[in-house]
Amino acid sequence: MGRAELRSEELCMMDAEPDQELLSRYVDAFEQFDIDALVALFHEEGCLSMPPFEMWVRGKDNLFKFFTATRWHCEGSRLLPITVNGGYPAFAQYMPSDNKSVLVPWGIHVLVITCKIWSRPNP
């Protein structure tokens, strides 16, 4: 069985060019911490996780609550584009430190895009 037979169509999305307009909207919404705009980019059942924390946040209502609760931690963050896992679009997040003029590395946002909206594989 060849490589093409081993992967599903959904998991080979990295073979297509990423939607730059959608990625830009994600960066703008996150950096402005516009929770409504950010959540609107997710699939109705979209989810996020934050390894190594054992958590999954699923669905737009729960995503809205999560982003609202963690706003204080992420406001002022900047995202820099990177790729991961052979080409998936991702962003390195840098957040403000105690010295507000210095940003420190915080995490990597790995994005899975289907049907021009964010989703994640089921855990």
C-alpha atoms as a PDB file:
ATOM      1  CA  MET A   1       0.000   0.000   0.000  1.00  0.00           C
ATOM      2  CA  GLY A   2       1.449   3.364  -1.028  1.00  0.00           C
ATOM      3  CA  ARG A   3       1.585   6.601   0.973  1.00  0.00           C
ATOM      4  CA  ALA A   4      -1.390   8.072  -0.911  1.00  0.00           C
ATOM      5  CA  GLU A   5      -3.537   5.090   0.090  1.00  0.00           C
ATOM      6  CA  LEU A   6      -2.649   5.411   3.770  1.00  0.00           C
ATOM      7  CA  ARG A   7      -3.946   8.918   4.329  1.00  0.00           C
ATOM      8  CA  SER A   8      -7.415  10.366   4.181  1.00  0.00           C
ATOM      9  CA  GLU A   9      -8.383  13.372   2.076  1.00  0.00           C
ATOM     10  CA  GLU A  10      -8.907  15.477   5.190  1.00  0.00           C
ATOM     11  CA  LEU A  11      -5.435  14.746   6.508  1.00  0.00           C
ATOM     12  CA  CYS A  12      -3.727  15.680   3.246  1.00  0.00           C
ATOM     13  CA  MET A  13      -4.945  19.289   3.376  1.00  0.00           C
ATOM     14  CA  MET A  14      -1.301  20.319   3.728  1.00  0.00           C
ATOM     15  CA  ASP A  15      -0.874  19.433   0.040  1.00  0.00           C
ATOM     16  CA  ALA A  16      -3.038  22.461  -0.828  1.00  0.00           C
ATOM     17  CA  GLU A  17      -1.918  26.056  -0.505  1.00  0.00           C
ATOM     18  CA  PRO A  18      -3.107  27.521   2.809  1.00  0.00           C
ATOM     19  CA  ASP A  19      -5.786  30.196   2.591  1.00  0.00           C
ATOM     20  CA  GLN A  20      -3.718  33.304   3.377  1.00  0.00           C
ATOM     21  CA  GLU A  21      -6.789  35.485   3.890  1.00  0.00           C
ATOM     22  CA  LEU A  22      -8.149  33.064   6.498  1.00  0.00           C
ATOM     23  CA  LEU A  23      -4.755  32.866   8.224  1.00  0.00           C
ATOM     24  CA  SER A  24      -4.565  36.680   8.281  1.00  0.00           C
ATOM     25  CA  ARG A  25      -8.021  36.877   9.831  1.00  0.00           C
ATOM     26  CA  TYR A  26      -6.899  34.442  12.559  1.00  0.00           C
ATOM     27  CA  VAL A  27      -3.783  36.512  13.328  1.00  0.00           C
ATOM     28  CA  ASP A  28      -5.745  39.770  13.386  1.00  0.00           C
ATOM     29  CA  ALA A  29      -8.475  38.342  15.621  1.00  0.00           C
ATOM     30  CA  PHE A  30      -5.972  36.786  18.035  1.00  0.00           C
ATOM     31  CA  GLU A  31      -3.607  39.763  18.239  1.00  0.00           C
ATOM     32  CA  GLN A  32      -6.546  42.152  18.772  1.00  0.00           C
ATOM     33  CA  PHE A  33      -8.067  39.515  21.041  1.00  0.00           C
ATOM     34  CA  ASP A  34     -11.408  40.017  19.320  1.00  0.00           C
ATOM     35  CA  ILE A  35     -13.097  36.978  20.828  1.00  0.00           C
ATOM     36  CA  ASP A  36     -16.195  37.164  18.614  1.00  0.00           C
ATOM     37  CA  ALA A  37     -14.074  37.308  15.434  1.00  0.00           C
ATOM     38  CA  LEU A  38     -11.771  34.559  16.709  1.00  0.00           C
ATOM     39  CA  VAL A  39     -14.569  32.147  17.598  1.00  0.00           C
ATOM     40  CA  ALA A  40     -16.336  32.877  14.287  1.00  0.00           C
ATOM     41  CA  LEU A  41     -13.346  31.300  12.511  1.00  0.00           C
ATOM     42  CA  PHE A  42     -13.944  27.925  14.182  1.00  0.00           C
ATOM     43  CA  HIS A  43     -16.204  25.143  12.912  1.00  0.00           C
ATOM     44  CA  GLU A  44     -19.330  24.758  15.060  1.00  0.00           C
ATOM     45  CA  GLU A  45     -17.676  21.720  16.689  1.00  0.00           C
ATOM     46  CA  GLY A  46     -14.140  23.114  16.384  1.00  0.00           C
ATOM     47  CA  CYS A  47     -11.843  22.521  19.296  1.00  0.00           C
ATOM     48  CA  LEU A  48      -8.470  23.356  20.713  1.00  0.00           C
ATOM     49  CA  SER A  49      -6.023  21.686  23.031  1.00  0.00           C
ATOM     50  CA  MET A  50      -2.949  22.906  24.873  1.00  0.00           C
ATOM     51  CA  PRO A  51      -0.441  20.116  25.444  1.00  0.00           C
ATOM     52  CA  PRO A  52       0.988  19.349  27.936  1.00  0.00           C
ATOM     53  CA  PHE A  53      -2.219  20.396  29.729  1.00  0.00           C
ATOM     54  CA  GLU A  54      -4.869  17.671  29.664  1.00  0.00           C
ATOM     55  CA  MET A  55      -7.686  19.724  28.216  1.00  0.00           C
ATOM     56  CA  TRP A  56      -9.844  19.945  25.128  1.00  0.00           C
ATOM     57  CA  VAL A  57     -12.198  22.842  24.503  1.00  0.00           C
ATOM     58  CA  ARG A  58     -14.883  21.907  21.971  1.00  0.00           C
ATOM     59  CA  GLY A  59     -17.683  23.934  20.382  1.00  0.00           C
ATOM     60  CA  LYS A  60     -18.098  27.643  19.814  1.00  0.00           C
ATOM     61  CA  ASP A  61     -19.808  28.340  23.162  1.00  0.00           C
ATOM     62  CA  ASN A  62     -17.004  26.677  25.112  1.00  0.00           C
ATOM     63  CA  LEU A  63     -14.334  28.338  22.955  1.00  0.00           C
ATOM     64  CA  PHE A  64     -15.902  31.725  23.700  1.00  0.00           C
ATOM     65  CA  LYS A  65     -15.852  30.966  27.454  1.00  0.00           C
ATOM     66  CA  PHE A  66     -12.248  29.730  27.273  1.00  0.00           C
ATOM     67  CA  PHE A  67     -10.956  32.773  25.372  1.00  0.00           C
ATOM     68  CA  THR A  68     -12.858  35.087  27.726  1.00  0.00           C
ATOM     69  CA  ALA A  69     -11.395  33.384  30.814  1.00  0.00           C
ATOM     70  CA  THR A  70      -7.831  33.431  29.451  1.00  0.00           C
ATOM     71  CA  ARG A  71      -7.941  36.902  27.893  1.00  0.00           C
ATOM     72  CA  TRP A  72      -5.681  38.410  30.593  1.00  0.00           C
ATOM     73  CA  HIS A  73      -3.002  35.876  29.735  1.00  0.00           C
ATOM     74  CA  CYS A  74      -2.961  36.340  25.954  1.00  0.00           C
ATOM     75  CA  GLU A  75      -3.672  40.032  25.403  1.00  0.00           C
ATOM     76  CA  GLY A  76      -0.718  41.755  23.808  1.00  0.00           C
ATOM     77  CA  SER A  77       0.584  38.542  22.246  1.00  0.00           C
ATOM     78  CA  ARG A  78       2.078  38.508  18.762  1.00  0.00           C
ATOM     79  CA  LEU A  79       2.000  35.616  16.300  1.00  0.00           C
ATOM     80  CA  LEU A  80       4.787  34.790  13.850  1.00  0.00           C
ATOM     81  CA  PRO A  81       4.084  32.418  10.938  1.00  0.00           C
ATOM     82  CA  ILE A  82       5.813  29.029  10.911  1.00  0.00           C
ATOM     83  CA  THR A  83       5.028  25.580   9.496  1.00  0.00           C
ATOM     84  CA  VAL A  84       4.945  22.260  11.330  1.00  0.00           C
ATOM     85  CA  ASN A  85       4.554  18.563  10.574  1.00  0.00           C
ATOM     86  CA  GLY A  86       5.722  18.813   6.992  1.00  0.00           C
ATOM     87  CA  GLY A  87       3.940  21.987   6.007  1.00  0.00           C
ATOM     88  CA  TYR A  88       0.844  22.679   8.098  1.00  0.00           C
ATOM     89  CA  PRO A  89       0.365  26.394   8.781  1.00  0.00           C
ATOM     90  CA  ALA A  90       1.120  27.370  12.356  1.00  0.00           C
ATOM     91  CA  PHE A  91       2.071  30.398  14.414  1.00  0.00           C
ATOM     92  CA  ALA A  92       4.602  30.890  17.183  1.00  0.00           C
ATOM     93  CA  GLN A  93       2.979  32.900  19.975  1.00  0.00           C
ATOM     94  CA  TYR A  94       5.029  35.424  21.923  1.00  0.00           C
ATOM     95  CA  MET A  95       3.376  37.023  24.926  1.00  0.00           C
ATOM     96  CA  PRO A  96       4.239  40.034  27.071  1.00  0.00           C
ATOM     97  CA  SER A  97       6.575  39.449  29.979  1.00  0.00           C
ATOM     98  CA  ASP A  98       6.734  41.389  33.250  1.00  0.00           C
ATOM     99  CA  ASN A  99       8.720  43.918  31.214  1.00  0.00           C
ATOM    100  CA  LYS A 100       5.990  45.029  28.786  1.00  0.00           C
ATOM    101  CA  SER A 101       8.569  45.933  26.126  1.00  0.00           C
ATOM    102  CA  VAL A 102       9.755  42.302  25.943  1.00  0.00           C
ATOM    103  CA  LEU A 103       7.820  39.404  24.414  1.00  0.00           C
ATOM    104  CA  VAL A 104       8.634  35.846  25.471  1.00  0.00           C
ATOM    105  CA  PRO A 105       7.925  32.561  23.661  1.00  0.00           C
ATOM    106  CA  TRP A 106       4.712  30.966  24.875  1.00  0.00           C
ATOM    107  CA  GLY A 107       3.351  28.395  22.444  1.00  0.00           C
ATOM    108  CA  ILE A 108       2.682  27.139  18.948  1.00  0.00           C
ATOM    109  CA  HIS A 109      -0.745  27.422  17.296  1.00  0.00           C
ATOM    110  CA  VAL A 110      -1.115  24.479  14.905  1.00  0.00           C
ATOM    111  CA  LEU A 111      -4.093  25.046  12.655  1.00  0.00           C
ATOM    112  CA  VAL A 112      -6.154  22.418  10.886  1.00  0.00           C
ATOM    113  CA  ILE A 113      -8.345  23.994   8.230  1.00  0.00           C
ATOM    114  CA  THR A 114     -11.293  22.210   6.618  1.00  0.00           C
ATOM    115  CA  CYS A 115     -13.924  23.875   4.481  1.00  0.00           C
ATOM    116  CA  LYS A 116     -12.254  27.255   5.129  1.00  0.00           C
ATOM    117  CA  ILE A 117     -12.960  27.063   8.869  1.00  0.00           C
ATOM    118  CA  TRP A 118     -10.861  25.866  11.800  1.00  0.00           C
ATOM    119  CA  SER A 119     -11.328  22.412  13.132  1.00  0.00           C
ATOM    120  CA  ARG A 120      -9.233  19.843  14.922  1.00  0.00           C
ATOM    121  CA  PRO A 121      -9.110  16.077  14.681  1.00  0.00           C
ATOM    122  CA  ASN A 122     -11.152  14.303  17.332  1.00  0.00           C
ATOM    123  CA  PRO A 123      -9.059  13.398  20.398  1.00  0.00           C
END
